[in-house]
Amino acid sequence: MVKYLISACFLLFISPIFASDNCYPQTDKYYEKNIIGKRKESMEVKLLGISYVDILIFNKDHTLIGKIADKTDIKNAAKALVGKWKIKNSKLYITVKKSSVLIPIPNSVEKIVCMNKKMYKAIRSDKTTYTSIRI
């Protein structure tokens, strides 16, 4: 009986606290409205012992600015690319117009799995899943 009471408490009182972090599939219009802003990707790259993260800035006019930053100091990010973005059929299309990175950065098409006001999850063409968090 005690187990059931504890379970009920968790379901009734604890779960609403985390409800705002739920991520659900949405419409293209919702994705376009809520992707605007500065975002940090969950995937990181290690180079010479330092972890780097991508920061993408999605503007309302569908321009995109990509930056690379040391994971511990994202305020001092270096501009890496400029491009365009669009969302169609739950897919995020990124077209790179100009890059200042020595390694070529390809255009990409990523399937948006779900989104809320704080983050979105997507799958790249190589089937890797990542999370992009609003900062």
C-alpha atoms as a PDB file:
ATOM      1  CA  MET A   1       0.000   0.000   0.000  1.00  0.00           C
ATOM      2  CA  VAL A   2       2.817   2.390   0.863  1.00  0.00           C
ATOM      3  CA  LYS A   3       4.431   1.750  -2.554  1.00  0.00           C
ATOM      4  CA  TYR A   4       1.226   2.797  -4.305  1.00  0.00           C
ATOM      5  CA  LEU A   5       0.957   5.991  -2.264  1.00  0.00           C
ATOM      6  CA  ILE A   6       4.544   6.936  -3.046  1.00  0.00           C
ATOM      7  CA  SER A   7       3.983   6.217  -6.755  1.00  0.00           C
ATOM      8  CA  ALA A   8       0.844   8.347  -6.759  1.00  0.00           C
ATOM      9  CA  CYS A   9       2.728  11.225  -5.119  1.00  0.00           C
ATOM     10  CA  PHE A  10       5.399  11.093  -7.809  1.00  0.00           C
ATOM     11  CA  LEU A  11       2.844  11.048 -10.591  1.00  0.00           C
ATOM     12  CA  LEU A  12       0.630  13.794  -9.192  1.00  0.00           C
ATOM     13  CA  PHE A  13       3.129  16.217  -7.717  1.00  0.00           C
ATOM     14  CA  ILE A  14       6.555  15.683  -9.251  1.00  0.00           C
ATOM     15  CA  SER A  15       5.704  15.147 -12.939  1.00  0.00           C
ATOM     16  CA  PRO A  16       4.076  18.597 -13.498  1.00  0.00           C
ATOM     17  CA  ILE A  17       7.395  20.210 -12.544  1.00  0.00           C
ATOM     18  CA  PHE A  18       9.032  18.632 -15.593  1.00  0.00           C
ATOM     19  CA  ALA A  19       6.084  19.055 -17.965  1.00  0.00           C
ATOM     20  CA  SER A  20       7.522  22.185 -19.580  1.00  0.00           C
ATOM     21  CA  ASP A  21      10.583  20.226 -20.772  1.00  0.00           C
ATOM     22  CA  ASN A  22       8.508  17.755 -22.784  1.00  0.00           C
ATOM     23  CA  CYS A  23       9.356  17.688 -26.453  1.00  0.00           C
ATOM     24  CA  TYR A  24       6.633  16.924 -29.014  1.00  0.00           C
ATOM     25  CA  PRO A  25       6.384  16.903 -32.814  1.00  0.00           C
ATOM     26  CA  GLN A  26       4.908  20.197 -34.007  1.00  0.00           C
ATOM     27  CA  THR A  27       3.939  21.999 -37.224  1.00  0.00           C
ATOM     28  CA  ASP A  28       6.379  23.765 -39.563  1.00  0.00           C
ATOM     29  CA  LYS A  29       4.897  27.110 -38.485  1.00  0.00           C
ATOM     30  CA  TYR A  30       5.627  26.308 -34.823  1.00  0.00           C
ATOM     31  CA  TYR A  31       9.189  25.209 -35.692  1.00  0.00           C
ATOM     32  CA  GLU A  32       9.867  28.406 -37.667  1.00  0.00           C
ATOM     33  CA  LYS A  33       8.597  30.619 -34.855  1.00  0.00           C
ATOM     34  CA  ASN A  34      10.457  28.851 -32.047  1.00  0.00           C
ATOM     35  CA  ILE A  35      13.802  28.159 -33.714  1.00  0.00           C
ATOM     36  CA  ILE A  36      14.597  31.897 -33.819  1.00  0.00           C
ATOM     37  CA  GLY A  37      17.428  32.879 -31.487  1.00  0.00           C
ATOM     38  CA  LYS A  38      20.796  31.642 -30.261  1.00  0.00           C
ATOM     39  CA  ARG A  39      21.223  27.898 -29.740  1.00  0.00           C
ATOM     40  CA  LYS A  40      23.974  25.577 -28.553  1.00  0.00           C
ATOM     41  CA  GLU A  41      24.255  22.057 -29.952  1.00  0.00           C
ATOM     42  CA  SER A  42      24.735  19.137 -27.575  1.00  0.00           C
ATOM     43  CA  MET A  43      27.422  17.466 -29.693  1.00  0.00           C
ATOM     44  CA  GLU A  44      30.984  18.574 -29.092  1.00  0.00           C
ATOM     45  CA  VAL A  45      34.281  18.127 -30.911  1.00  0.00           C
ATOM     46  CA  LYS A  46      37.585  17.587 -29.117  1.00  0.00           C
ATOM     47  CA  LEU A  47      40.720  19.107 -30.604  1.00  0.00           C
ATOM     48  CA  LEU A  48      44.058  19.124 -28.775  1.00  0.00           C
ATOM     49  CA  GLY A  49      42.329  18.349 -25.479  1.00  0.00           C
ATOM     50  CA  ILE A  50      39.805  21.191 -25.735  1.00  0.00           C
ATOM     51  CA  SER A  51      36.087  20.558 -26.245  1.00  0.00           C
ATOM     52  CA  TYR A  52      34.365  22.820 -28.767  1.00  0.00           C
ATOM     53  CA  VAL A  53      30.636  23.328 -29.338  1.00  0.00           C
ATOM     54  CA  ASP A  54      28.598  24.808 -32.179  1.00  0.00           C
ATOM     55  CA  ILE A  55      26.481  27.869 -31.564  1.00  0.00           C
ATOM     56  CA  LEU A  56      23.893  28.663 -34.225  1.00  0.00           C
ATOM     57  CA  ILE A  57      22.004  31.941 -34.432  1.00  0.00           C
ATOM     58  CA  PHE A  58      18.743  31.636 -36.379  1.00  0.00           C
ATOM     59  CA  ASN A  59      17.463  35.060 -37.483  1.00  0.00           C
ATOM     60  CA  LYS A  60      13.873  35.972 -38.436  1.00  0.00           C
ATOM     61  CA  ASP A  61      14.954  36.826 -41.991  1.00  0.00           C
ATOM     62  CA  HIS A  62      16.111  33.185 -42.413  1.00  0.00           C
ATOM     63  CA  THR A  63      19.813  34.044 -42.225  1.00  0.00           C
ATOM     64  CA  LEU A  64      22.043  31.876 -40.087  1.00  0.00           C
ATOM     65  CA  ILE A  65      25.284  32.623 -38.270  1.00  0.00           C
ATOM     66  CA  GLY A  66      27.357  29.722 -37.008  1.00  0.00           C
ATOM     67  CA  LYS A  67      30.009  30.096 -34.340  1.00  0.00           C
ATOM     68  CA  ILE A  68      32.493  27.759 -32.688  1.00  0.00           C
ATOM     69  CA  ALA A  69      33.325  28.152 -29.004  1.00  0.00           C
ATOM     70  CA  ASP A  70      35.338  26.530 -26.266  1.00  0.00           C
ATOM     71  CA  LYS A  71      32.804  24.566 -24.212  1.00  0.00           C
ATOM     72  CA  THR A  72      33.900  26.373 -21.035  1.00  0.00           C
ATOM     73  CA  ASP A  73      33.739  29.871 -22.581  1.00  0.00           C
ATOM     74  CA  ILE A  74      30.859  30.184 -25.061  1.00  0.00           C
ATOM     75  CA  LYS A  75      30.734  33.985 -24.765  1.00  0.00           C
ATOM     76  CA  ASN A  76      33.958  34.283 -26.794  1.00  0.00           C
ATOM     77  CA  ALA A  77      32.808  32.324 -29.842  1.00  0.00           C
ATOM     78  CA  ALA A  78      34.505  32.707 -33.215  1.00  0.00           C
ATOM     79  CA  LYS A  79      32.338  33.229 -36.311  1.00  0.00           C
ATOM     80  CA  ALA A  80      32.571  30.137 -38.501  1.00  0.00           C
ATOM     81  CA  LEU A  81      29.872  30.441 -41.146  1.00  0.00           C
ATOM     82  CA  VAL A  82      27.064  32.482 -42.623  1.00  0.00           C
ATOM     83  CA  GLY A  83      24.149  30.911 -44.410  1.00  0.00           C
ATOM     84  CA  LYS A  84      20.408  30.546 -44.881  1.00  0.00           C
ATOM     85  CA  TRP A  85      17.883  28.280 -43.212  1.00  0.00           C
ATOM     86  CA  LYS A  86      14.342  27.101 -43.909  1.00  0.00           C
ATOM     87  CA  ILE A  87      11.936  24.537 -42.529  1.00  0.00           C
ATOM     88  CA  LYS A  88       9.751  22.431 -44.790  1.00  0.00           C
ATOM     89  CA  ASN A  89       7.947  19.171 -43.968  1.00  0.00           C
ATOM     90  CA  SER A  90       9.573  19.048 -40.505  1.00  0.00           C
ATOM     91  CA  LYS A  91      13.045  19.226 -42.033  1.00  0.00           C
ATOM     92  CA  LEU A  92      15.600  21.933 -41.279  1.00  0.00           C
ATOM     93  CA  TYR A  93      17.526  22.913 -44.409  1.00  0.00           C
ATOM     94  CA  ILE A  94      20.807  24.771 -43.839  1.00  0.00           C
ATOM     95  CA  THR A  95      22.660  26.263 -46.812  1.00  0.00           C
ATOM     96  CA  VAL A  96      26.192  27.523 -46.130  1.00  0.00           C
ATOM     97  CA  LYS A  97      26.960  30.721 -48.070  1.00  0.00           C
ATOM     98  CA  LYS A  98      30.336  31.632 -46.568  1.00  0.00           C
ATOM     99  CA  SER A  99      32.658  29.719 -44.248  1.00  0.00           C
ATOM    100  CA  SER A 100      35.803  30.823 -42.439  1.00  0.00           C
ATOM    101  CA  VAL A 101      36.752  27.302 -41.343  1.00  0.00           C
ATOM    102  CA  LEU A 102      39.467  25.321 -43.137  1.00  0.00           C
ATOM    103  CA  ILE A 103      37.382  22.144 -43.109  1.00  0.00           C
ATOM    104  CA  PRO A 104      34.541  22.334 -45.668  1.00  0.00           C
ATOM    105  CA  ILE A 105      31.133  22.570 -44.006  1.00  0.00           C
ATOM    106  CA  PRO A 106      28.461  20.910 -46.149  1.00  0.00           C
ATOM    107  CA  ASN A 107      24.864  22.015 -46.556  1.00  0.00           C
ATOM    108  CA  SER A 108      22.558  19.910 -44.437  1.00  0.00           C
ATOM    109  CA  VAL A 109      19.039  18.568 -44.171  1.00  0.00           C
ATOM    110  CA  GLU A 110      18.019  17.510 -40.673  1.00  0.00           C
ATOM    111  CA  LYS A 111      14.729  15.915 -39.604  1.00  0.00           C
ATOM    112  CA  ILE A 112      13.262  17.727 -36.599  1.00  0.00           C
ATOM    113  CA  VAL A 113      11.918  15.083 -34.245  1.00  0.00           C
ATOM    114  CA  CYS A 114      10.386  17.390 -31.646  1.00  0.00           C
ATOM    115  CA  MET A 115      10.586  20.925 -30.265  1.00  0.00           C
ATOM    116  CA  ASN A 116       9.514  23.040 -27.326  1.00  0.00           C
ATOM    117  CA  LYS A 117      10.340  26.623 -26.301  1.00  0.00           C
ATOM    118  CA  LYS A 118      13.739  25.662 -24.834  1.00  0.00           C
ATOM    119  CA  MET A 119      15.136  23.033 -27.210  1.00  0.00           C
ATOM    120  CA  TYR A 120      14.694  20.817 -30.213  1.00  0.00           C
ATOM    121  CA  LYS A 121      15.890  17.336 -31.166  1.00  0.00           C
ATOM    122  CA  ALA A 122      16.869  16.455 -34.714  1.00  0.00           C
ATOM    123  CA  ILE A 123      18.373  13.625 -36.731  1.00  0.00           C
ATOM    124  CA  ARG A 124      21.153  14.305 -39.226  1.00  0.00           C
ATOM    125  CA  SER A 125      21.475  12.498 -42.552  1.00  0.00           C
ATOM    126  CA  ASP A 126      24.087  10.158 -41.017  1.00  0.00           C
ATOM    127  CA  LYS A 127      21.395   9.084 -38.478  1.00  0.00           C
ATOM    128  CA  THR A 128      23.030  10.797 -35.476  1.00  0.00           C
ATOM    129  CA  THR A 129      20.594  12.473 -33.103  1.00  0.00           C
ATOM    130  CA  TYR A 130      21.429  15.746 -31.408  1.00  0.00           C
ATOM    131  CA  THR A 131      19.780  18.304 -29.162  1.00  0.00           C
ATOM    132  CA  SER A 132      19.965  22.051 -29.683  1.00  0.00           C
ATOM    133  CA  ILE A 133      19.338  24.161 -26.567  1.00  0.00           C
ATOM    134  CA  ARG A 134      18.328  27.836 -26.464  1.00  0.00           C
ATOM    135  CA  ILE A 135      20.954  29.992 -24.725  1.00  0.00           C
END
